[in-house]
Amino acid sequence: MNYNQNNKIAQITSQTLIIGVDIAKFKHVARAQDFRGLEFGKPLHFENTKDSFDVFVEWIREIQGQQDMNKVIVGVEPTGHYWLNLAHYLKELNLKLVVVNPMHVKKTKELDDNSPTKNDVKDAKVIAQLVKDGRYAEPKIPEGVYADLRIARKIRDLLSVDLYKDKFTIGLIDIFLNS
């Protein structure tokens, strides 16, 4: 959806649990907070597997029950393609997923402790803060034929690169043989 920042902020109420997730290749880190920035529970470290995603959702449901919140918004920093597994999993469960700009995370992290050091637990908190402030986008994750078309396009691009390399190599061989 195409919201301005005020509309994004208005979606986050006192009944909204905000989850910030720092995505990594193998282990993700999640932190939970409310609309005022009050944190709940300990940071959760989980892997990029379905079983770990189940633990992650159970952790969310537990905090929701403890804090009597009925809405959840999960914010992630889209790191490579590693966030897509979690995105598809959360979409199946109808949990709202949003993405934050990695440059915003980098620039915002110094506000908390005046230190630019990289730390997954710290980044998860910064991501949650950016979501709270309405500084996020809602990703369009293609489904069905549209997902197939995206994959086909990627394969076509890869084949085109390979074909170009083959033509270039043959051209070099011809030049070498004819000289």
Foldseek 3Di string as FASTA:
>chain_A
DDDDLVVLLVVFDQQEKEKFWEFDQFKIWIWIDHLVLHTDDDIDIFTLDPVRLVVVVVVVVVRCVVSVHDAYEYEYADDPCSCVSSVVVVVVVVHHYWYAHPVQLQVQLCVPPVDSDDDRNSSSSSRSVCSSSSRTGGDDDDDDVVVVVVVVVVVVVVVVVVVVVVVVVVVVVVVVVVD
